[in-house]
Amino acid sequence: MKSPSVAALARSYRAERVVTALIGLLALLAGATALVVGQGWLGSFRAVRPVLDPIALDTLGNWQTHARVGAIVLGVLLLVLGLLLAARTLRPERHPDLALDRSVGSGLVVTASAIAEAIAVDAEQVDGVSRARATVVGDPEEPALRLSVWLHEGTRLKDVWRELDGSVLTRARESLGVDTLPTAVRVELGTAERQRVR
């Protein structure tokens, strides 16, 4: 089972992707069916019939109660699914603060933004890194880290990765007092400056 911190590394949009893929697949199948029928591959009789087929309309007319109940149930299910997906997509992401001292009256809490800023500043000290951005996510007991680094043009990625892993992330684990700090690193490579044509 995936721990909360690992699940928080890359906020999951799996449900949204699955729904989008299913809608796209249904649209593709509907389009392919319309093309096949319109081209007359299933018979010329079907190709010239209107979209609202009178036979289908007669069938629905004979089963009005069942058709209405089915339409209402389908509409309610789609409404509930849409509300669940909207709530899941819009829920705020957790950025845990770290309690260094839990003493009553004199407790010490370091905010997630302060932790992220310190890690980003540390990452920017690595040779070849032009800027960095960090985000702490997950649970307070099991935090996770998202680290984005932008590199100067010509920087060796291997060297940057070795220093990030060996120094920056090690210091972050020691500072947070955790043995493991699941981290997702996003690297943007620098490009040459564009020359203006005169």
N, C-alpha and C. Protein backbone atom coordinates (compact mmCIF):
# COMPACT_ATOMS: atom_id res chain seq x y z
N MET A 1 0.84 -1.20 0.00
CA MET A 1 0.00 0.00 0.00
C MET A 1 0.87 1.24 0.00
N LYS A 2 0.48 2.24 -0.79
CA LYS A 2 1.25 3.47 -0.94
C LYS A 2 1.07 4.35 0.28
N SER A 3 2.19 4.85 0.82
CA SER A 3 2.10 5.71 1.99
C SER A 3 1.55 7.07 1.57
N PRO A 4 0.98 7.83 2.54
CA PRO A 4 0.41 9.15 2.20
C PRO A 4 1.43 10.09 1.60
N SER A 5 2.68 10.01 2.08
CA SER A 5 3.68 10.93 1.57
C SER A 5 4.03 10.62 0.12
N VAL A 6 4.12 9.35 -0.22
CA VAL A 6 4.43 8.98 -1.60
C VAL A 6 3.25 9.37 -2.50
N ALA A 7 2.05 9.17 -2.01
CA ALA A 7 0.86 9.54 -2.80
C ALA A 7 0.80 11.05 -3.01
N ALA A 8 1.36 11.82 -2.08
CA ALA A 8 1.29 13.27 -2.17
C ALA A 8 2.36 13.87 -3.07
N LEU A 9 3.35 13.07 -3.46
CA LEU A 9 4.46 13.61 -4.25
C LEU A 9 3.97 14.27 -5.53
N ALA A 10 3.23 13.56 -6.29
CA ALA A 10 2.67 14.13 -7.50
C ALA A 10 1.16 14.02 -7.34
N ARG A 11 0.53 15.14 -7.03
CA ARG A 11 -0.90 15.11 -6.77
C ARG A 11 -1.61 14.35 -7.87
N SER A 12 -2.35 13.33 -7.51
CA SER A 12 -2.91 12.41 -8.48
C SER A 12 -4.09 13.03 -9.22
N TYR A 13 -3.95 13.03 -10.52
CA TYR A 13 -5.06 13.42 -11.38
C TYR A 13 -5.55 12.21 -12.16
N ARG A 14 -5.33 11.00 -11.57
CA ARG A 14 -5.68 9.77 -12.26
C ARG A 14 -7.17 9.70 -12.57
N ALA A 15 -8.00 10.06 -11.59
CA ALA A 15 -9.45 9.99 -11.82
C ALA A 15 -9.87 10.91 -12.95
N GLU A 16 -9.34 12.14 -12.96
CA GLU A 16 -9.69 13.07 -14.01
C GLU A 16 -9.22 12.57 -15.37
N ARG A 17 -8.02 11.97 -15.40
CA ARG A 17 -7.50 11.45 -16.66
C ARG A 17 -8.33 10.28 -17.17
N VAL A 18 -8.75 9.41 -16.23
CA VAL A 18 -9.57 8.26 -16.63
C VAL A 18 -10.90 8.71 -17.20
N VAL A 19 -11.55 9.67 -16.51
CA VAL A 19 -12.84 10.17 -16.99
C VAL A 19 -12.68 10.84 -18.35
N THR A 20 -11.63 11.67 -18.50
CA THR A 20 -11.40 12.33 -19.77
C THR A 20 -11.13 11.32 -20.88
N ALA A 21 -10.34 10.28 -20.55
CA ALA A 21 -10.06 9.25 -21.55
C ALA A 21 -11.33 8.49 -21.94
N LEU A 22 -12.18 8.19 -20.96
CA LEU A 22 -13.42 7.48 -21.27
C LEU A 22 -14.35 8.33 -22.13
N ILE A 23 -14.47 9.62 -21.80
CA ILE A 23 -15.31 10.51 -22.61
C ILE A 23 -14.76 10.61 -24.03
N GLY A 24 -13.44 10.73 -24.14
CA GLY A 24 -12.82 10.78 -25.47
C GLY A 24 -13.04 9.49 -26.24
N LEU A 25 -12.94 8.34 -25.55
CA LEU A 25 -13.15 7.05 -26.20
C LEU A 25 -14.59 6.92 -26.68
N LEU A 26 -15.55 7.34 -25.82
CA LEU A 26 -16.95 7.29 -26.23
C LEU A 26 -17.22 8.20 -27.42
N ALA A 27 -16.63 9.40 -27.42
CA ALA A 27 -16.80 10.31 -28.55
C ALA A 27 -16.19 9.72 -29.82
N LEU A 28 -15.02 9.08 -29.67
CA LEU A 28 -14.39 8.44 -30.82
C LEU A 28 -15.25 7.32 -31.38
N LEU A 29 -15.79 6.48 -30.48
CA LEU A 29 -16.65 5.39 -30.91
C LEU A 29 -17.92 5.91 -31.58
N ALA A 30 -18.51 6.98 -31.01
CA ALA A 30 -19.71 7.56 -31.62
C ALA A 30 -19.40 8.11 -33.00
N GLY A 31 -18.28 8.78 -33.14
CA GLY A 31 -17.88 9.31 -34.44
C GLY A 31 -17.60 8.22 -35.45
N ALA A 32 -16.90 7.16 -35.00
CA ALA A 32 -16.62 6.04 -35.90
C ALA A 32 -17.91 5.34 -36.33
N THR A 33 -18.85 5.18 -35.38
CA THR A 33 -20.14 4.57 -35.72
C THR A 33 -20.90 5.42 -36.73
N ALA A 34 -20.92 6.74 -36.51
CA ALA A 34 -21.59 7.64 -37.45
C ALA A 34 -20.95 7.57 -38.83
N LEU A 35 -19.62 7.48 -38.87
CA LEU A 35 -18.92 7.38 -40.15
C LEU A 35 -19.27 6.08 -40.87
N VAL A 36 -19.25 4.97 -40.12
CA VAL A 36 -19.55 3.66 -40.71
C VAL A 36 -20.98 3.63 -41.25
N VAL A 37 -21.93 4.13 -40.45
CA VAL A 37 -23.33 4.13 -40.88
C VAL A 37 -23.52 5.10 -42.04
N GLY A 38 -22.93 6.30 -41.96
CA GLY A 38 -23.09 7.30 -43.01
C GLY A 38 -22.50 6.88 -44.34
N GLN A 39 -21.42 6.11 -44.30
CA GLN A 39 -20.79 5.64 -45.54
C GLN A 39 -21.57 4.49 -46.17
N GLY A 40 -22.55 3.95 -45.43
CA GLY A 40 -23.35 2.87 -45.98
C GLY A 40 -22.72 1.50 -45.84
N TRP A 41 -21.71 1.38 -44.98
CA TRP A 41 -21.05 0.09 -44.79
C TRP A 41 -21.95 -0.91 -44.08
N LEU A 42 -22.98 -0.43 -43.42
CA LEU A 42 -23.95 -1.32 -42.77
C LEU A 42 -25.24 -1.40 -43.57
N GLY A 43 -25.18 -0.99 -44.82
CA GLY A 43 -26.34 -1.03 -45.69
C GLY A 43 -26.78 0.37 -46.07
N SER A 44 -27.21 0.54 -47.31
CA SER A 44 -27.60 1.86 -47.78
C SER A 44 -28.89 2.34 -47.12
N PHE A 45 -29.72 1.40 -46.68
CA PHE A 45 -30.97 1.77 -46.02
C PHE A 45 -30.70 2.54 -44.73
N ARG A 46 -29.76 2.05 -43.94
CA ARG A 46 -29.42 2.73 -42.68
C ARG A 46 -28.76 4.08 -42.94
N ALA A 47 -28.00 4.18 -44.01
CA ALA A 47 -27.25 5.42 -44.30
C ALA A 47 -28.18 6.60 -44.58
N VAL A 48 -29.34 6.34 -45.16
CA VAL A 48 -30.23 7.45 -45.52
C VAL A 48 -31.27 7.75 -44.45
N ARG A 49 -31.30 6.95 -43.40
CA ARG A 49 -32.29 7.19 -42.33
C ARG A 49 -31.86 8.39 -41.47
N PRO A 50 -32.81 9.13 -40.88
CA PRO A 50 -32.45 10.27 -40.02
C PRO A 50 -31.78 9.80 -38.73
N VAL A 51 -31.09 10.76 -38.07
CA VAL A 51 -30.41 10.43 -36.81
C VAL A 51 -31.44 9.96 -35.78
N LEU A 52 -32.54 10.68 -35.65
CA LEU A 52 -33.61 10.24 -34.75
C LEU A 52 -34.48 9.24 -35.50
N ASP A 53 -34.02 8.00 -35.49
CA ASP A 53 -34.66 6.92 -36.23
C ASP A 53 -36.10 6.72 -35.74
N PRO A 54 -37.07 6.70 -36.65
CA PRO A 54 -38.47 6.49 -36.24
C PRO A 54 -38.68 5.17 -35.50
N ILE A 55 -37.93 4.14 -35.87
CA ILE A 55 -38.07 2.85 -35.17
C ILE A 55 -37.62 3.00 -33.72
N ALA A 56 -36.49 3.71 -33.52
CA ALA A 56 -36.01 3.94 -32.15
C ALA A 56 -37.01 4.79 -31.38
N LEU A 57 -37.54 5.82 -32.03
CA LEU A 57 -38.53 6.67 -31.36
C LEU A 57 -39.79 5.89 -31.00
N ASP A 58 -40.24 5.00 -31.89
CA ASP A 58 -41.40 4.15 -31.58
C ASP A 58 -41.12 3.25 -30.39
N THR A 59 -39.91 2.68 -30.35
CA THR A 59 -39.54 1.80 -29.23
C THR A 59 -39.55 2.58 -27.93
N LEU A 60 -38.97 3.79 -27.94
CA LEU A 60 -38.98 4.62 -26.73
C LEU A 60 -40.41 5.00 -26.34
N GLY A 61 -41.25 5.24 -27.34
CA GLY A 61 -42.66 5.57 -27.06
C GLY A 61 -43.40 4.42 -26.41
N ASN A 62 -43.06 3.20 -26.81
CA ASN A 62 -43.71 2.02 -26.22
C ASN A 62 -43.22 1.74 -24.82
N TRP A 63 -42.00 2.21 -24.50
CA TRP A 63 -41.41 1.96 -23.18
C TRP A 63 -41.13 3.29 -22.48
N GLN A 64 -42.10 4.18 -22.49
CA GLN A 64 -41.89 5.53 -21.96
C GLN A 64 -41.47 5.53 -20.50
N THR A 65 -42.14 4.76 -19.69
CA THR A 65 -41.83 4.75 -18.25
C THR A 65 -40.41 4.28 -18.01
N HIS A 66 -40.03 3.18 -18.66
CA HIS A 66 -38.67 2.65 -18.48
C HIS A 66 -37.63 3.64 -19.01
N ALA A 67 -37.94 4.27 -20.14
CA ALA A 67 -36.99 5.22 -20.71
C ALA A 67 -36.80 6.43 -19.79
N ARG A 68 -37.90 6.92 -19.21
CA ARG A 68 -37.79 8.08 -18.31
C ARG A 68 -37.02 7.72 -17.05
N VAL A 69 -37.35 6.56 -16.48
CA VAL A 69 -36.63 6.13 -15.26
C VAL A 69 -35.14 5.96 -15.57
N GLY A 70 -34.84 5.33 -16.70
CA GLY A 70 -33.43 5.15 -17.08
C GLY A 70 -32.72 6.48 -17.27
N ALA A 71 -33.40 7.43 -17.91
CA ALA A 71 -32.79 8.75 -18.14
C ALA A 71 -32.56 9.48 -16.82
N ILE A 72 -33.52 9.38 -15.90
CA ILE A 72 -33.38 10.05 -14.60
C ILE A 72 -32.24 9.43 -13.81
N VAL A 73 -32.19 8.10 -13.78
CA VAL A 73 -31.11 7.42 -13.04
C VAL A 73 -29.75 7.77 -13.63
N LEU A 74 -29.65 7.74 -14.97
CA LEU A 74 -28.39 8.09 -15.61
C LEU A 74 -28.01 9.54 -15.32
N GLY A 75 -28.99 10.46 -15.35
CA GLY A 75 -28.71 11.86 -15.05
C GLY A 75 -28.23 12.06 -13.63
N VAL A 76 -28.87 11.37 -12.67
CA VAL A 76 -28.45 11.48 -11.27
C VAL A 76 -27.05 10.93 -11.08
N LEU A 77 -26.76 9.79 -11.70
CA LEU A 77 -25.42 9.20 -11.58
C LEU A 77 -24.36 10.13 -12.17
N LEU A 78 -24.64 10.72 -13.32
CA LEU A 78 -23.67 11.64 -13.91
C LEU A 78 -23.49 12.90 -13.06
N LEU A 79 -24.59 13.38 -12.45
CA LEU A 79 -24.49 14.54 -11.56
C LEU A 79 -23.63 14.23 -10.35
N VAL A 80 -23.86 13.07 -9.72
CA VAL A 80 -23.06 12.69 -8.54
C VAL A 80 -21.60 12.51 -8.92
N LEU A 81 -21.35 11.84 -10.06
CA LEU A 81 -19.96 11.65 -10.51
C LEU A 81 -19.30 12.99 -10.77
N GLY A 82 -20.01 13.92 -11.41
CA GLY A 82 -19.45 15.24 -11.67
C GLY A 82 -19.14 16.01 -10.40
N LEU A 83 -20.06 15.95 -9.42
CA LEU A 83 -19.81 16.64 -8.14
C LEU A 83 -18.63 16.04 -7.40
N LEU A 84 -18.51 14.70 -7.41
CA LEU A 84 -17.37 14.05 -6.75
C LEU A 84 -16.06 14.44 -7.41
N LEU A 85 -16.03 14.44 -8.73
CA LEU A 85 -14.80 14.83 -9.43
C LEU A 85 -14.46 16.29 -9.19
N ALA A 86 -15.49 17.16 -9.17
CA ALA A 86 -15.23 18.58 -8.91
C ALA A 86 -14.69 18.78 -7.49
N ALA A 87 -15.28 18.08 -6.52
CA ALA A 87 -14.80 18.21 -5.13
C ALA A 87 -13.38 17.69 -5.00
N ARG A 88 -13.08 16.59 -5.67
CA ARG A 88 -11.73 16.02 -5.61
C ARG A 88 -10.71 16.95 -6.25
N THR A 89 -11.07 17.54 -7.38
CA THR A 89 -10.15 18.42 -8.09
C THR A 89 -9.91 19.72 -7.35
N LEU A 90 -10.95 20.26 -6.71
CA LEU A 90 -10.85 21.57 -6.07
C LEU A 90 -10.39 21.53 -4.62
N ARG A 91 -10.26 20.34 -4.04
CA ARG A 91 -9.86 20.29 -2.64
C ARG A 91 -8.43 20.83 -2.49
N PRO A 92 -8.21 21.58 -1.45
CA PRO A 92 -6.86 22.16 -1.28
C PRO A 92 -5.85 21.08 -0.91
N GLU A 93 -4.65 21.29 -1.39
CA GLU A 93 -3.58 20.34 -1.10
C GLU A 93 -3.00 20.65 0.28
N ARG A 94 -2.61 19.60 1.00
CA ARG A 94 -2.08 19.79 2.35
C ARG A 94 -0.59 20.11 2.30
N HIS A 95 -0.22 21.17 3.00
CA HIS A 95 1.18 21.56 3.15
C HIS A 95 1.47 21.54 4.65
N PRO A 96 2.07 20.45 5.15
CA PRO A 96 2.20 20.28 6.60
C PRO A 96 3.28 21.18 7.22
N ASP A 97 2.93 21.75 8.36
CA ASP A 97 3.91 22.46 9.18
C ASP A 97 4.62 21.43 10.05
N LEU A 98 5.86 21.73 10.44
CA LEU A 98 6.65 20.79 11.23
C LEU A 98 6.77 21.30 12.66
N ALA A 99 6.29 20.49 13.60
CA ALA A 99 6.37 20.85 15.02
C ALA A 99 7.70 20.36 15.58
N LEU A 100 8.62 21.28 15.85
CA LEU A 100 9.92 20.91 16.40
C LEU A 100 9.84 20.71 17.91
N ASP A 101 8.95 21.43 18.56
CA ASP A 101 8.78 21.32 20.01
C ASP A 101 7.29 21.40 20.30
N ARG A 102 6.75 20.36 20.92
CA ARG A 102 5.31 20.30 21.19
C ARG A 102 4.97 20.72 22.63
N SER A 103 5.89 21.36 23.30
CA SER A 103 5.63 21.79 24.67
C SER A 103 4.49 22.79 24.71
N VAL A 104 3.63 22.64 25.71
CA VAL A 104 2.50 23.55 25.86
C VAL A 104 3.01 24.93 26.27
N GLY A 105 2.60 25.94 25.53
CA GLY A 105 2.98 27.31 25.86
C GLY A 105 4.29 27.76 25.25
N SER A 106 5.17 26.83 24.90
CA SER A 106 6.46 27.24 24.31
C SER A 106 6.80 26.36 23.11
N GLY A 107 5.78 25.89 22.43
CA GLY A 107 6.00 25.03 21.28
C GLY A 107 6.63 25.80 20.12
N LEU A 108 7.31 25.07 19.27
CA LEU A 108 7.98 25.66 18.12
C LEU A 108 7.51 24.94 16.86
N VAL A 109 6.90 25.69 15.95
CA VAL A 109 6.39 25.13 14.70
C VAL A 109 7.02 25.89 13.54
N VAL A 110 7.55 25.13 12.59
CA VAL A 110 8.11 25.72 11.37
C VAL A 110 7.10 25.49 10.26
N THR A 111 6.73 26.57 9.59
CA THR A 111 5.70 26.46 8.55
C THR A 111 6.25 25.75 7.32
N ALA A 112 5.33 25.17 6.55
CA ALA A 112 5.71 24.46 5.33
C ALA A 112 6.37 25.41 4.33
N SER A 113 5.90 26.65 4.27
CA SER A 113 6.49 27.60 3.33
C SER A 113 7.93 27.95 3.71
N ALA A 114 8.20 28.04 5.03
CA ALA A 114 9.57 28.33 5.47
C ALA A 114 10.50 27.17 5.15
N ILE A 115 10.01 25.94 5.35
CA ILE A 115 10.81 24.76 5.02
C ILE A 115 11.10 24.74 3.53
N ALA A 116 10.07 24.97 2.73
CA ALA A 116 10.22 24.93 1.27
C ALA A 116 11.19 26.01 0.80
N GLU A 117 11.08 27.19 1.38
CA GLU A 117 11.97 28.30 0.99
C GLU A 117 13.42 27.96 1.33
N ALA A 118 13.65 27.38 2.50
CA ALA A 118 15.02 27.01 2.90
C ALA A 118 15.60 25.96 1.95
N ILE A 119 14.80 24.97 1.59
CA ILE A 119 15.29 23.93 0.68
C ILE A 119 15.55 24.51 -0.70
N ALA A 120 14.68 25.40 -1.17
CA ALA A 120 14.87 26.02 -2.48
C ALA A 120 16.15 26.86 -2.51
N VAL A 121 16.39 27.64 -1.45
CA VAL A 121 17.60 28.47 -1.38
C VAL A 121 18.83 27.57 -1.37
N ASP A 122 18.77 26.46 -0.63
CA ASP A 122 19.89 25.52 -0.59
C ASP A 122 20.13 24.93 -1.98
N ALA A 123 19.06 24.58 -2.69
CA ALA A 123 19.21 24.00 -4.03
C ALA A 123 19.79 25.01 -5.01
N GLU A 124 19.49 26.28 -4.82
CA GLU A 124 20.01 27.31 -5.72
C GLU A 124 21.52 27.51 -5.57
N GLN A 125 22.10 27.01 -4.46
CA GLN A 125 23.54 27.13 -4.26
C GLN A 125 24.32 26.09 -5.06
N VAL A 126 23.61 25.10 -5.62
CA VAL A 126 24.28 24.06 -6.41
C VAL A 126 24.76 24.68 -7.72
N ASP A 127 26.00 24.33 -8.12
CA ASP A 127 26.55 24.84 -9.37
C ASP A 127 25.68 24.43 -10.55
N GLY A 128 25.32 25.40 -11.37
CA GLY A 128 24.53 25.11 -12.56
C GLY A 128 23.05 25.37 -12.40
N VAL A 129 22.59 25.55 -11.16
CA VAL A 129 21.16 25.79 -10.91
C VAL A 129 20.92 27.29 -10.92
N SER A 130 20.02 27.73 -11.81
CA SER A 130 19.72 29.16 -11.87
C SER A 130 18.66 29.55 -10.85
N ARG A 131 17.67 28.70 -10.67
CA ARG A 131 16.68 28.94 -9.62
C ARG A 131 16.03 27.62 -9.25
N ALA A 132 15.36 27.62 -8.10
CA ALA A 132 14.72 26.40 -7.61
C ALA A 132 13.44 26.77 -6.88
N ARG A 133 12.51 25.85 -6.87
CA ARG A 133 11.27 26.02 -6.13
C ARG A 133 10.95 24.70 -5.45
N ALA A 134 10.59 24.76 -4.17
CA ALA A 134 10.27 23.56 -3.40
C ALA A 134 8.88 23.68 -2.81
N THR A 135 8.22 22.55 -2.64
CA THR A 135 6.91 22.49 -2.02
C THR A 135 6.88 21.28 -1.10
N VAL A 136 6.47 21.49 0.14
CA VAL A 136 6.33 20.40 1.09
C VAL A 136 4.87 19.97 1.10
N VAL A 137 4.63 18.67 0.93
CA VAL A 137 3.27 18.14 0.88
C VAL A 137 3.18 16.90 1.75
N GLY A 138 1.95 16.38 1.92
CA GLY A 138 1.76 15.14 2.66
C GLY A 138 1.35 15.35 4.09
N ASP A 139 1.73 14.38 4.93
CA ASP A 139 1.40 14.40 6.35
C ASP A 139 2.53 15.03 7.16
N PRO A 140 2.22 15.63 8.32
CA PRO A 140 3.29 16.17 9.16
C PRO A 140 4.27 15.10 9.63
N GLU A 141 3.77 13.87 9.87
CA GLU A 141 4.65 12.80 10.32
C GLU A 141 5.47 12.22 9.17
N GLU A 142 4.91 12.24 7.97
CA GLU A 142 5.61 11.70 6.80
C GLU A 142 5.56 12.71 5.67
N PRO A 143 6.35 13.79 5.76
CA PRO A 143 6.29 14.80 4.70
C PRO A 143 6.94 14.29 3.42
N ALA A 144 6.57 14.90 2.33
CA ALA A 144 7.17 14.63 1.04
C ALA A 144 7.55 15.96 0.41
N LEU A 145 8.36 15.91 -0.62
CA LEU A 145 8.90 17.14 -1.20
C LEU A 145 8.78 17.11 -2.72
N ARG A 146 8.37 18.24 -3.27
CA ARG A 146 8.44 18.45 -4.71
C ARG A 146 9.48 19.52 -4.95
N LEU A 147 10.47 19.22 -5.77
CA LEU A 147 11.56 20.16 -6.02
C LEU A 147 11.68 20.39 -7.52
N SER A 148 11.56 21.65 -7.92
CA SER A 148 11.75 22.03 -9.33
C SER A 148 13.02 22.85 -9.42
N VAL A 149 13.90 22.47 -10.34
CA VAL A 149 15.15 23.22 -10.52
C VAL A 149 15.29 23.62 -11.98
N TRP A 150 15.76 24.83 -12.20
CA TRP A 150 16.03 25.34 -13.54
C TRP A 150 17.53 25.45 -13.68
N LEU A 151 18.07 24.87 -14.75
CA LEU A 151 19.52 24.82 -14.95
C LEU A 151 19.97 25.83 -15.99
N HIS A 152 21.21 26.29 -15.80
CA HIS A 152 21.84 27.15 -16.81
C HIS A 152 22.14 26.32 -18.05
N GLU A 153 22.28 26.99 -19.16
CA GLU A 153 22.62 26.28 -20.39
C GLU A 153 23.99 25.62 -20.26
N GLY A 154 24.09 24.38 -20.72
CA GLY A 154 25.36 23.65 -20.71
C GLY A 154 25.68 22.96 -19.40
N THR A 155 24.81 23.03 -18.43
CA THR A 155 25.06 22.38 -17.14
C THR A 155 24.94 20.86 -17.28
N ARG A 156 25.84 20.16 -16.62
CA ARG A 156 25.77 18.68 -16.65
C ARG A 156 24.75 18.22 -15.62
N LEU A 157 23.72 17.59 -16.11
CA LEU A 157 22.62 17.15 -15.26
C LEU A 157 23.10 16.14 -14.21
N LYS A 158 24.02 15.27 -14.62
CA LYS A 158 24.52 14.25 -13.69
C LYS A 158 25.19 14.87 -12.47
N ASP A 159 25.98 15.92 -12.68
CA ASP A 159 26.65 16.59 -11.56
C ASP A 159 25.65 17.27 -10.64
N VAL A 160 24.66 17.93 -11.26
CA VAL A 160 23.64 18.61 -10.45
C VAL A 160 22.87 17.59 -9.63
N TRP A 161 22.48 16.48 -10.26
CA TRP A 161 21.71 15.47 -9.53
C TRP A 161 22.52 14.89 -8.38
N ARG A 162 23.82 14.64 -8.60
CA ARG A 162 24.66 14.07 -7.55
C ARG A 162 24.72 15.01 -6.34
N GLU A 163 24.85 16.32 -6.62
CA GLU A 163 24.94 17.28 -5.51
C GLU A 163 23.59 17.47 -4.82
N LEU A 164 22.50 17.48 -5.62
CA LEU A 164 21.17 17.60 -5.01
C LEU A 164 20.90 16.42 -4.08
N ASP A 165 21.18 15.22 -4.57
CA ASP A 165 20.90 14.02 -3.78
C ASP A 165 21.84 13.89 -2.59
N GLY A 166 23.12 14.20 -2.82
CA GLY A 166 24.11 13.99 -1.76
C GLY A 166 24.14 15.09 -0.72
N SER A 167 23.78 16.31 -1.10
CA SER A 167 23.90 17.42 -0.16
C SER A 167 22.55 18.01 0.23
N VAL A 168 21.83 18.53 -0.76
CA VAL A 168 20.60 19.28 -0.47
C VAL A 168 19.56 18.39 0.19
N LEU A 169 19.27 17.25 -0.41
CA LEU A 169 18.23 16.38 0.14
C LEU A 169 18.67 15.73 1.45
N THR A 170 19.96 15.46 1.59
CA THR A 170 20.46 14.91 2.85
C THR A 170 20.28 15.93 3.98
N ARG A 171 20.64 17.20 3.72
CA ARG A 171 20.44 18.24 4.72
C ARG A 171 18.96 18.43 5.04
N ALA A 172 18.12 18.32 4.02
CA ALA A 172 16.67 18.47 4.25
C ALA A 172 16.16 17.36 5.16
N ARG A 173 16.59 16.13 4.93
CA ARG A 173 16.16 15.01 5.80
C ARG A 173 16.65 15.22 7.23
N GLU A 174 17.89 15.63 7.36
CA GLU A 174 18.43 15.84 8.71
C GLU A 174 17.71 16.98 9.41
N SER A 175 17.42 18.06 8.70
CA SER A 175 16.73 19.20 9.31
C SER A 175 15.32 18.85 9.74
N LEU A 176 14.64 18.04 8.91
CA LEU A 176 13.27 17.65 9.24
C LEU A 176 13.20 16.51 10.24
N GLY A 177 14.34 15.87 10.49
CA GLY A 177 14.37 14.77 11.45
C GLY A 177 13.67 13.52 10.95
N VAL A 178 13.75 13.26 9.64
CA VAL A 178 13.12 12.07 9.08
C VAL A 178 14.19 11.22 8.40
N ASP A 179 13.95 9.90 8.41
CA ASP A 179 14.90 8.99 7.77
C ASP A 179 14.75 9.01 6.25
N THR A 180 13.51 9.13 5.81
CA THR A 180 13.26 9.17 4.37
C THR A 180 12.41 10.39 4.04
N LEU A 181 12.69 10.98 2.90
CA LEU A 181 11.92 12.13 2.42
C LEU A 181 11.62 11.87 0.95
N PRO A 182 10.48 11.26 0.66
CA PRO A 182 10.14 11.02 -0.75
C PRO A 182 10.14 12.34 -1.51
N THR A 183 10.85 12.35 -2.64
CA THR A 183 11.03 13.59 -3.37
C THR A 183 10.80 13.38 -4.86
N ALA A 184 10.04 14.27 -5.45
CA ALA A 184 9.88 14.31 -6.90
C ALA A 184 10.65 15.51 -7.40
N VAL A 185 11.60 15.28 -8.29
CA VAL A 185 12.45 16.37 -8.80
C VAL A 185 12.08 16.63 -10.26
N ARG A 186 11.79 17.87 -10.55
CA ARG A 186 11.48 18.29 -11.92
C ARG A 186 12.62 19.20 -12.38
N VAL A 187 13.20 18.87 -13.53
CA VAL A 187 14.36 19.61 -14.03
C VAL A 187 13.99 20.30 -15.33
N GLU A 188 14.28 21.59 -15.39
CA GLU A 188 14.10 22.38 -16.61
C GLU A 188 15.49 22.76 -17.12
N LEU A 189 15.80 22.36 -18.34
CA LEU A 189 17.11 22.67 -18.90
C LEU A 189 17.10 24.05 -19.52
N GLY A 190 18.20 24.77 -19.33
CA GLY A 190 18.30 26.12 -19.88
C GLY A 190 18.49 26.10 -21.39
N THR A 191 18.08 27.15 -22.04
CA THR A 191 18.26 27.28 -23.49
C THR A 191 19.10 28.51 -23.78
N ALA A 192 19.68 28.51 -24.93
CA ALA A 192 20.52 29.66 -25.31
C ALA A 192 19.65 30.88 -25.50
N GLU A 193 20.22 32.04 -25.18
CA GLU A 193 19.49 33.28 -25.36
C GLU A 193 19.26 33.54 -26.85
N ARG A 194 18.07 33.98 -27.17
CA ARG A 194 17.75 34.24 -28.58
C ARG A 194 18.47 35.50 -29.05
N GLN A 195 19.02 35.37 -30.24
CA GLN A 195 19.68 36.54 -30.84
C GLN A 195 18.67 37.31 -31.67
N ARG A 196 18.58 38.60 -31.43
CA ARG A 196 17.64 39.42 -32.19
C ARG A 196 18.23 39.70 -33.57
N VAL A 197 17.41 39.45 -34.59
CA VAL A 197 17.86 39.71 -35.96
C VAL A 197 17.69 41.18 -36.28
N ARG A 198 18.72 41.79 -36.84
CA ARG A 198 18.64 43.23 -37.17
C ARG A 198 18.71 43.42 -38.68
